[in-house]
């Protein structure tokens, strides 16, 4: 779960203003919170943002 939190925070640090402008970060992100931002990263972000979305999804699948 720590990996998911770290990736979530990284997404907001690196892409908050560009790709996640319509979302607000939560203090204790859950798996669902992390998955909720991946679509915005893919659509609004660049190639690196898409790769980060894939990392988030992979980490979330590993928790299941």
Protein backbone atom coordinates (compact mmCIF):
# COMPACT_ATOMS: atom_id res chain seq x y z
CA UNK A 1 0.00 0.00 0.00
CA UNK A 2 2.97 2.30 0.60
CA UNK A 3 3.92 1.98 -3.07
CA UNK A 4 0.46 3.12 -4.10
CA UNK A 5 0.59 6.10 -1.75
CA UNK A 6 4.03 7.09 -3.04
CA UNK A 7 2.96 6.84 -6.68
CA UNK A 8 -0.23 8.79 -5.94
CA UNK A 9 1.71 11.61 -4.28
CA UNK A 10 4.24 11.60 -7.12
CA UNK A 11 1.43 11.95 -9.65
CA UNK A 12 0.12 15.07 -7.92
CA UNK A 13 3.60 16.53 -7.44
CA UNK A 14 4.60 16.05 -11.07
CA UNK A 15 1.28 16.34 -12.93
CA UNK A 16 -1.16 18.07 -10.59
CA UNK A 17 -1.47 21.31 -12.55
CA UNK A 18 -1.28 19.68 -15.98
CA UNK A 19 -3.17 16.41 -15.83
CA UNK A 20 -4.91 16.34 -12.46
CA UNK A 21 -6.26 19.88 -12.34
CA UNK A 22 -9.81 18.58 -11.86
CA UNK A 23 -8.87 16.39 -8.88
CA UNK A 24 -7.86 17.13 -5.34
CA UNK A 25 -5.33 14.98 -3.52
CA UNK A 26 -6.58 13.16 -0.44
CA UNK A 27 -4.40 12.87 2.68
CA UNK A 28 -4.57 9.06 2.91
CA UNK A 29 -5.13 7.70 -0.59
CA UNK A 30 -6.70 4.29 -1.01
CA UNK A 31 -6.32 1.92 -3.92
CA UNK A 32 -9.54 3.33 -5.36
CA UNK A 33 -8.27 6.92 -5.04
CA UNK A 34 -5.13 5.98 -6.95
CA UNK A 35 -7.05 4.22 -9.70
CA UNK A 36 -9.38 7.22 -10.02
CA UNK A 37 -6.57 9.48 -11.27
CA UNK A 38 -5.09 7.12 -13.86
CA UNK A 39 -7.55 8.07 -16.60
CA UNK A 40 -6.72 11.76 -16.21
CA UNK A 41 -3.00 10.97 -16.31
CA UNK A 42 -3.49 9.06 -19.56
CA UNK A 43 -5.70 11.65 -21.26
CA UNK A 44 -4.23 14.93 -20.02
CA UNK A 45 -0.60 13.95 -19.46
CA UNK A 46 2.40 13.19 -21.59
CA UNK A 47 4.10 9.85 -22.20
CA UNK A 48 5.73 9.89 -18.76
CA UNK A 49 2.31 10.51 -17.17
CA UNK A 50 0.92 7.51 -19.06
CA UNK A 51 3.78 5.39 -17.79
CA UNK A 52 3.08 6.56 -14.24
CA UNK A 53 -0.59 5.61 -14.70
CA UNK A 54 0.54 2.13 -15.72
CA UNK A 55 2.75 1.89 -12.62
CA UNK A 56 -0.16 2.91 -10.41
CA UNK A 57 -2.44 0.33 -12.02
CA UNK A 58 0.20 -2.39 -11.67
CA UNK A 59 0.74 -1.57 -7.99
CA UNK A 60 -3.02 -1.61 -7.40
CA UNK A 61 -3.39 -5.00 -9.08
CA UNK A 62 -0.60 -6.38 -6.90
CA UNK A 63 -2.63 -5.55 -3.78
CA UNK A 64 -5.66 -7.54 -4.86
